C-alpha cells in the first residue's frame, strides 16, 4: 500500500457535517464535526431539507479544518472516503458529491462506506488508540455488534476474516429505533430536542422502579426490537395523570438547562423518565445477553448515539456479564467521520474502490 494509509473521510448522513483524517484505520489525526442541533431544535426533530442546506454551508470549511488539524494536504492523502448510506438522501448527496469532486480533482481513489459499519469501527478505532486497552477481551475477534441510535437499532454478528469484516443481521427494530423513542417521549413530555441526552441526565433523579413497563412480546424473531409500545405506554400514563399543564409549561423552556428543567419537573415525572430509561436499557441488554449466550460470543460492541447514554453504560458495566462489552468514547459514539475513515481502511488495503457513478442509498443495509 502506498503512503501512510491516510484517509480523508466525509460523513453527512443526517444532521452533522463531519470530516476526519485517520492513519491506517488506527490513529486519528483530526476529527471535525459541525452540529445542526440549534437549527433543528425548534422543530423537535431533524428537518431533511434544512439538514441538506446546512451540509452545503458547512462541508467546505469542515473539510479544510480537518486537513489543517491533521497537518496534511490533499496531495499527502491515499484515499477519500464517504458515507454512501443509510441516511437522509439529500444529506448523503452533499457529502458524496463533494467527495467525488475531491477524488476527481486529485486522482485519489474513492471509497464508499456504510454508516452502520462506521459505527462498529468506531469501537475498533477507539480500542486501537487505547494502549493498553482498559477493557477485557478483544473487539477484533468475532463479536456481537449492537448499533443503536436515533435511526437504527440493529444487532449483528460481526466476524473478521482475511482483512475484511462480515456481518450477519440477527435482530432489528420493527418500528421506532431506541434513540427515536427517546426523542419522541421527550417531545410528548415537553422536553427539548434531542431528547435522549435530556432524559439520560434527568433519569438519575427518579425511581426506575416507579412505573412498571412490560417487555414487548415479539412474534417471529425473538431478537427483534420494538419500542413503539413503550412510547405509547408513556403517552397513556401522561394522559391518565393529567400532565397537560406541566407539559405546556416545559414547552416554553426551549433553551433551559438541566437544572432549570429538573426544577420544572415534578418527582412523578422524574420517576417516569427513570422508568422509561430503565425499560429501554433492559431491552437492549437483554437482547445482547440472549444473543451472546446463543453464539458463545467473547465480546459485545455497543455503538451509535445511544451508546453515549450513561444509564446504558452503567448497566453494562455493573451487570457482571461473562463477556467483554466495548463502548466507543462519546465523541466516537455520535456521527463522526473518524469512524468512516476507520471502516474505509480495510477497503483501501483490498483496493475496493467506488467509481463516479456512486449514489446515495438512503435505505442501505449492512447484511
Protein backbone atom coordinates (compact mmCIF):
# COMPACT_ATOMS: atom_id res chain seq x y z
CA UNK A 1 0.00 0.00 0.00
CA UNK A 2 1.48 3.38 -0.96
CA UNK A 3 2.00 6.21 1.51
CA UNK A 4 0.95 6.27 5.16
CA UNK A 5 -2.53 4.92 4.66
CA UNK A 6 -4.00 8.38 5.22
CA UNK A 7 -7.72 8.61 4.52
CA UNK A 8 -9.80 11.78 4.48
CA UNK A 9 -13.37 10.77 5.33
CA UNK A 10 -16.60 12.73 4.96
CA UNK A 11 -19.81 11.97 6.88
CA UNK A 12 -23.13 13.73 6.14
CA UNK A 13 -25.80 11.08 6.65
CA UNK A 14 -28.09 13.09 8.92
CA UNK A 15 -27.65 16.37 10.78
CA UNK A 16 -23.90 16.58 11.43
CA UNK A 17 -21.31 17.54 8.84
CA UNK A 18 -18.06 15.79 9.67
CA UNK A 19 -14.59 15.26 8.23
CA UNK A 20 -11.57 13.45 9.62
CA UNK A 21 -8.11 12.26 8.66
CA UNK A 22 -7.14 8.84 10.05
CA UNK A 23 -3.90 6.92 9.55
CA UNK A 24 -4.19 3.20 8.74
CA UNK A 25 -7.57 2.97 10.49
CA UNK A 26 -5.85 3.23 13.85
CA UNK A 27 -4.67 6.79 14.53
CA UNK A 28 -6.91 9.84 14.36
CA UNK A 29 -5.03 12.90 13.14
CA UNK A 30 -8.10 15.13 13.07
CA UNK A 31 -11.85 14.94 13.55
CA UNK A 32 -14.13 17.92 12.95
CA UNK A 33 -17.91 17.92 13.42
CA UNK A 34 -20.35 20.76 12.68
CA UNK A 35 -23.59 20.12 14.55
CA UNK A 36 -27.03 21.26 13.41
CA UNK A 37 -28.81 20.81 16.74
CA UNK A 38 -29.59 24.53 17.07
CA UNK A 39 -31.17 24.54 13.61
CA UNK A 40 -33.48 21.59 14.25
CA UNK A 41 -34.24 22.07 17.97
CA UNK A 42 -37.11 24.49 17.32
CA UNK A 43 -38.87 21.82 15.22
CA UNK A 44 -38.39 18.99 17.72
CA UNK A 45 -36.51 16.83 15.21
CA UNK A 46 -34.42 16.80 12.06
CA UNK A 47 -35.95 18.55 9.04
CA UNK A 48 -34.38 16.89 5.96
CA UNK A 49 -34.46 19.97 3.73
CA UNK A 50 -32.79 22.11 6.38
CA UNK A 51 -30.20 19.40 7.03
CA UNK A 52 -29.18 19.36 3.36
CA UNK A 53 -28.88 23.15 3.29
CA UNK A 54 -26.71 23.19 6.41
CA UNK A 55 -24.45 20.48 4.97
CA UNK A 56 -23.92 22.64 1.89
CA UNK A 57 -22.87 25.55 4.10
CA UNK A 58 -20.55 23.55 6.32
CA UNK A 59 -18.85 20.92 4.19
CA UNK A 60 -16.05 23.02 2.65
CA UNK A 61 -14.89 24.69 5.91
CA UNK A 62 -15.20 21.39 7.81
CA UNK A 63 -13.00 19.52 5.33
CA UNK A 64 -10.47 22.36 5.29
CA UNK A 65 -10.36 22.34 9.09
CA UNK A 66 -9.83 18.58 9.18
CA UNK A 67 -6.89 18.80 6.77
CA UNK A 68 -5.39 21.73 8.69
CA UNK A 69 -5.71 19.96 12.05
CA UNK A 70 -4.06 16.85 10.62
CA UNK A 71 -1.26 18.91 9.10
CA UNK A 72 -1.67 17.32 5.68
CA UNK A 73 -2.69 18.45 2.21
CA UNK A 74 -4.82 16.65 -0.33
CA UNK A 75 -1.60 15.64 -2.09
CA UNK A 76 -0.49 13.75 1.02
CA UNK A 77 -3.59 11.56 1.21
CA UNK A 78 -4.02 8.00 -0.03
CA UNK A 79 -7.83 7.97 -0.45
CA UNK A 80 -11.09 9.84 0.01
CA UNK A 81 -13.86 8.01 1.90
CA UNK A 82 -17.50 8.99 2.20
CA UNK A 83 -20.69 7.68 3.78
CA UNK A 84 -22.94 6.38 1.00
CA UNK A 85 -25.85 5.28 3.20
CA UNK A 86 -28.07 4.72 5.05
CA UNK A 87 -29.36 8.16 5.93
CA UNK A 88 -31.24 11.14 4.54
CA UNK A 89 -30.91 11.08 0.75
CA UNK A 90 -30.33 14.81 0.34
CA UNK A 91 -27.84 14.96 3.18
CA UNK A 92 -25.89 11.97 1.87
CA UNK A 93 -25.81 13.50 -1.60
CA UNK A 94 -23.96 16.59 -0.35
CA UNK A 95 -21.14 14.53 1.10
CA UNK A 96 -20.95 12.15 -1.84
CA UNK A 97 -20.86 14.94 -4.40
CA UNK A 98 -18.06 16.76 -2.61
CA UNK A 99 -16.08 13.55 -2.08
CA UNK A 100 -16.40 12.76 -5.79
CA UNK A 101 -15.17 16.24 -6.68
CA UNK A 102 -12.13 15.86 -4.42
CA UNK A 103 -11.33 12.41 -5.77
CA UNK A 104 -11.69 13.55 -9.37
CA UNK A 105 -9.54 16.66 -8.92
CA UNK A 106 -6.75 14.83 -7.08
CA UNK A 107 -6.84 11.44 -8.78
CA UNK A 108 -7.24 9.77 -5.38
CA UNK A 109 -9.34 6.60 -5.05
CA UNK A 110 -12.89 6.98 -3.73
CA UNK A 111 -14.13 4.60 -1.02
CA UNK A 112 -17.83 4.18 -0.16
CA UNK A 113 -18.62 3.29 3.46
CA UNK A 114 -21.81 2.04 5.08
CA UNK A 115 -22.71 4.31 8.00
CA UNK A 116 -23.64 1.33 10.20
CA UNK A 117 -20.26 -0.31 9.60
CA UNK A 118 -18.68 3.00 10.54
CA UNK A 119 -20.34 2.84 13.97
CA UNK A 120 -18.91 -0.64 14.53
CA UNK A 121 -15.44 0.51 13.50
CA UNK A 122 -15.71 3.43 15.93
CA UNK A 123 -15.17 0.89 18.71
CA UNK A 124 -12.29 -0.78 16.86
CA UNK A 125 -10.62 2.58 16.26
CA UNK A 126 -11.13 3.53 19.91
CA UNK A 127 -9.51 0.33 21.16
CA UNK A 128 -6.56 0.56 18.76
CA UNK A 129 -5.88 4.06 20.06
CA UNK A 130 -6.09 2.90 23.70
CA UNK A 131 -2.78 1.44 24.88
CA UNK A 132 -3.20 -0.56 26.95
CA UNK A 133 -6.89 -1.23 26.40
CA UNK A 134 -8.91 -0.51 29.54
CA UNK A 135 -11.34 -3.33 28.73
CA UNK A 136 -11.27 -7.12 28.82
CA UNK A 137 -11.33 -9.16 25.64
CA UNK A 138 -10.62 -8.19 22.06
CA UNK A 139 -13.17 -6.45 19.81
CA UNK A 140 -11.18 -7.59 16.78
CA UNK A 141 -12.39 -11.14 17.43
CA UNK A 142 -15.88 -12.37 16.49
CA UNK A 143 -18.31 -10.17 18.38
CA UNK A 144 -21.89 -9.10 18.74
CA UNK A 145 -22.40 -5.56 17.47
CA UNK A 146 -25.38 -3.51 18.62
CA UNK A 147 -25.76 -0.29 16.64
CA UNK A 148 -28.28 1.86 18.49
CA UNK A 149 -29.09 5.45 17.55
CA UNK A 150 -31.91 7.77 16.56
CA UNK A 151 -32.34 5.99 13.25
CA UNK A 152 -31.09 2.48 13.91
CA UNK A 153 -31.38 -0.39 16.36
CA UNK A 154 -29.60 -3.32 14.70
CA UNK A 155 -27.90 -6.35 16.22
CA UNK A 156 -25.19 -8.05 14.15
CA UNK A 157 -22.79 -10.93 14.41
CA UNK A 158 -19.51 -9.39 13.25
CA UNK A 159 -16.71 -11.66 12.01
CA UNK A 160 -13.24 -10.52 10.90
CA UNK A 161 -11.87 -12.65 8.03
CA UNK A 162 -8.82 -12.04 5.82
CA UNK A 163 -8.56 -8.27 6.38
CA UNK A 164 -12.27 -7.70 6.00
CA UNK A 165 -15.38 -7.89 8.14
CA UNK A 166 -18.54 -9.90 7.52
CA UNK A 167 -21.85 -9.08 9.17
CA UNK A 168 -24.93 -11.17 9.85
CA UNK A 169 -28.08 -9.33 10.92
CA UNK A 170 -29.66 -11.22 13.81
CA UNK A 171 -32.06 -8.61 15.20
CA UNK A 172 -33.53 -5.22 14.32
CA UNK A 173 -36.23 -2.83 15.41
CA UNK A 174 -39.63 -3.44 13.87
CA UNK A 175 -40.79 0.13 14.49
CA UNK A 176 -39.09 3.01 16.35
CA UNK A 177 -35.34 2.94 16.89
CA UNK A 178 -34.31 3.30 20.54
CA UNK A 179 -32.97 6.83 20.04
CA UNK A 180 -36.12 7.78 18.16
CA UNK A 181 -38.22 6.54 21.09
CA UNK A 182 -36.18 8.73 23.45
CA UNK A 183 -36.73 11.78 21.27
CA UNK A 184 -40.45 11.14 20.85
CA UNK A 185 -41.01 10.58 24.57
CA UNK A 186 -39.07 13.75 25.37
CA UNK A 187 -41.14 15.70 22.86
CA UNK A 188 -44.51 14.47 24.12
CA UNK A 189 -43.50 15.30 27.71
CA UNK A 190 -42.48 18.84 26.74
CA UNK A 191 -38.71 18.49 26.79
CA UNK A 192 -36.42 19.76 24.06
CA UNK A 193 -34.51 18.14 21.21
CA UNK A 194 -32.50 15.98 21.15
CA UNK A 195 -34.45 14.21 23.87
CA UNK A 196 -32.10 11.33 24.62
CA UNK A 197 -29.44 13.35 26.46
CA UNK A 198 -32.10 15.24 28.43
CA UNK A 199 -33.82 12.07 29.64
CA UNK A 200 -30.46 10.49 30.46
CA UNK A 201 -29.47 13.48 32.63
CA UNK A 202 -32.81 13.67 34.44
CA UNK A 203 -33.34 9.92 34.94
CA UNK A 204 -30.91 9.61 37.91
CA UNK A 205 -33.23 11.88 39.91
CA UNK A 206 -36.13 9.45 39.54
CA UNK A 207 -37.06 5.96 40.73
CA UNK A 208 -36.59 3.45 37.86
CA UNK A 209 -38.99 1.01 39.56
CA UNK A 210 -41.83 3.52 39.99
CA UNK A 211 -43.59 2.78 36.69
CA UNK A 212 -43.62 -0.83 35.52
CA UNK A 213 -43.34 -1.13 31.76
CA UNK A 214 -43.77 -4.63 30.34
CA UNK A 215 -41.41 -6.07 27.74
CA UNK A 216 -42.89 -6.40 24.25
CA UNK A 217 -43.98 -9.88 23.15
CA UNK A 218 -42.20 -10.45 19.84
CA UNK A 219 -43.64 -12.68 17.14
CA UNK A 220 -41.19 -14.37 14.82
CA UNK A 221 -37.59 -13.45 15.61
CA UNK A 222 -37.25 -13.13 19.38
CA UNK A 223 -34.14 -10.98 18.89
CA UNK A 224 -36.04 -8.21 17.10
CA UNK A 225 -36.76 -4.99 18.99
CA UNK A 226 -39.90 -2.89 19.42
CA UNK A 227 -40.12 0.46 21.20
CA UNK A 228 -43.35 1.96 19.89
CA UNK A 229 -45.42 0.23 22.58
CA UNK A 230 -43.22 1.71 25.28
CA UNK A 231 -43.64 5.18 23.77
CA UNK A 232 -47.43 4.68 23.72
CA UNK A 233 -47.41 3.50 27.34
CA UNK A 234 -45.67 6.75 28.35
CA UNK A 235 -48.31 8.74 26.47
CA UNK A 236 -51.15 6.87 28.19
CA UNK A 237 -49.51 7.38 31.60
CA UNK A 238 -49.22 11.11 30.96
CA UNK A 239 -52.89 11.31 29.92
CA UNK A 240 -54.04 9.37 32.99
CA UNK A 241 -52.11 11.67 35.31
CA UNK A 242 -53.36 14.97 33.81
CA UNK A 243 -49.94 16.29 32.84
CA UNK A 244 -51.12 18.70 30.14
CA UNK A 245 -50.40 21.92 32.07
CA UNK A 246 -47.00 20.71 33.25
CA UNK A 247 -46.04 19.70 29.69
CA UNK A 248 -47.19 23.03 28.26
CA UNK A 249 -45.08 24.92 30.80
CA UNK A 250 -41.95 22.99 29.84
CA UNK A 251 -42.52 23.59 26.13
CA UNK A 252 -41.87 27.24 26.79
CA UNK A 253 -38.41 26.42 28.14
CA UNK A 254 -36.70 25.63 24.82
CA UNK A 255 -33.27 26.86 25.89
CA UNK A 256 -33.44 25.83 29.55
CA UNK A 257 -30.56 23.94 31.16
CA UNK A 258 -30.87 20.65 33.02
CA UNK A 259 -31.07 22.33 36.42
CA UNK A 260 -33.98 24.51 35.29
CA UNK A 261 -35.74 21.54 33.70
CA UNK A 262 -35.32 19.50 36.84
CA UNK A 263 -36.93 22.24 38.92
CA UNK A 264 -39.81 22.39 36.43
CA UNK A 265 -40.33 18.62 36.57
CA UNK A 266 -42.36 17.03 39.41
CA UNK A 267 -40.99 13.92 41.09
CA UNK A 268 -43.61 11.67 39.49
CA UNK A 269 -42.37 12.78 36.05
CA UNK A 270 -38.75 12.20 37.03
CA UNK A 271 -39.83 8.72 38.12
CA UNK A 272 -41.50 8.24 34.74
CA UNK A 273 -38.33 9.24 32.90
CA UNK A 274 -36.19 6.94 35.05
CA UNK A 275 -38.59 4.06 34.48
CA UNK A 276 -38.66 4.67 30.73
CA UNK A 277 -34.87 4.68 30.53
CA UNK A 278 -34.69 1.55 32.68
CA UNK A 279 -37.08 -0.23 30.30
CA UNK A 280 -35.10 0.75 27.18
CA UNK A 281 -31.76 -0.25 28.70
CA UNK A 282 -33.24 -3.53 29.94
CA UNK A 283 -34.44 -4.42 26.45
CA UNK A 284 -31.15 -3.55 24.77
CA UNK A 285 -29.00 -5.52 27.20
CA UNK A 286 -31.44 -8.44 27.34
CA UNK A 287 -31.13 -8.91 23.58
CA UNK A 288 -27.35 -8.69 23.78
CA UNK A 289 -27.25 -11.25 26.61
CA UNK A 290 -29.52 -13.76 24.85
CA UNK A 291 -27.60 -13.42 21.59
CA UNK A 292 -24.21 -13.74 23.28
CA UNK A 293 -25.26 -16.92 25.04
CA UNK A 294 -26.61 -18.45 21.83
CA UNK A 295 -23.44 -17.89 19.80
CA UNK A 296 -20.87 -18.02 22.59
CA UNK A 297 -19.62 -14.50 21.88
CA UNK A 298 -16.46 -13.38 23.64
CA UNK A 299 -17.32 -9.70 23.38
CA UNK A 300 -20.10 -7.26 22.53
CA UNK A 301 -19.77 -3.92 20.76
CA UNK A 302 -22.36 -1.25 21.55
CA UNK A 303 -22.13 1.85 19.39
CA UNK A 304 -24.21 4.65 17.90
CA UNK A 305 -25.58 7.80 19.50
CA UNK A 306 -27.42 5.95 22.28
CA UNK A 307 -24.09 4.41 23.31
CA UNK A 308 -23.43 7.82 24.93
CA UNK A 309 -26.24 7.07 27.37
CA UNK A 310 -24.85 6.95 30.90
CA UNK A 311 -27.64 4.66 32.08
CA UNK A 312 -26.80 2.12 29.38
CA UNK A 313 -23.07 2.28 30.07
CA UNK A 314 -23.56 1.96 33.84
CA UNK A 315 -25.91 -1.01 33.46
CA UNK A 316 -23.49 -2.82 31.13
CA UNK A 317 -20.58 -2.13 33.47
CA UNK A 318 -22.34 -3.39 36.60
CA UNK A 319 -24.10 -6.41 35.07
CA UNK A 320 -21.18 -8.84 35.71
CA UNK A 321 -21.52 -10.26 32.20
CA UNK A 322 -19.36 -13.26 31.17
CA UNK A 323 -18.04 -11.38 28.13
CA UNK A 324 -16.43 -8.01 27.49
CA UNK A 325 -18.63 -5.08 26.46
CA UNK A 326 -16.99 -2.35 24.40
CA UNK A 327 -18.28 1.20 24.01
CA UNK A 328 -16.63 3.94 21.96
CA UNK A 329 -15.85 7.26 23.59
CA UNK A 330 -18.79 9.71 23.48
CA UNK A 331 -17.13 11.63 20.65
CA UNK A 332 -16.95 8.47 18.55
CA UNK A 333 -20.47 7.32 19.51
CA UNK A 334 -22.35 10.09 17.74
CA UNK A 335 -21.99 10.64 13.99
CA UNK A 336 -18.41 11.45 13.04
CA UNK A 337 -16.04 10.94 10.13
CA UNK A 338 -13.19 9.24 12.01
CA UNK A 339 -15.27 6.06 12.20
CA UNK A 340 -15.90 6.26 8.44
CA UNK A 341 -12.15 6.51 7.80
CA UNK A 342 -11.51 3.55 10.09
CA UNK A 343 -14.07 1.42 8.23
CA UNK A 344 -12.55 2.53 4.91
CA UNK A 345 -9.03 1.38 5.69
CA UNK A 346 -9.61 -2.36 5.07
CA UNK A 347 -11.23 -1.38 1.76
CA UNK A 348 -8.16 0.64 0.85
CA UNK A 349 -5.96 -2.38 1.61
CA UNK A 350 -8.14 -4.53 -0.68
CA UNK A 351 -8.36 -1.79 -3.30
CA UNK A 352 -12.14 -1.88 -3.03
CA UNK A 353 -12.91 1.45 -4.68
CA UNK A 354 -16.10 3.16 -5.84
CA UNK A 355 -16.47 4.88 -9.19
CA UNK A 356 -18.07 8.19 -10.05
CA UNK A 357 -21.49 6.59 -10.52
CA UNK A 358 -21.71 6.26 -6.72
CA UNK A 359 -25.17 7.26 -5.48
CA UNK A 360 -26.76 7.94 -2.13
CA UNK A 361 -28.56 4.89 -0.71
CA UNK A 362 -30.98 6.11 1.93
CA UNK A 363 -32.10 2.59 2.90
CA UNK A 364 -28.76 0.84 2.57
CA UNK A 365 -28.40 -2.39 4.55
CA UNK A 366 -25.26 -3.83 6.10
CA UNK A 367 -26.20 -7.50 5.94
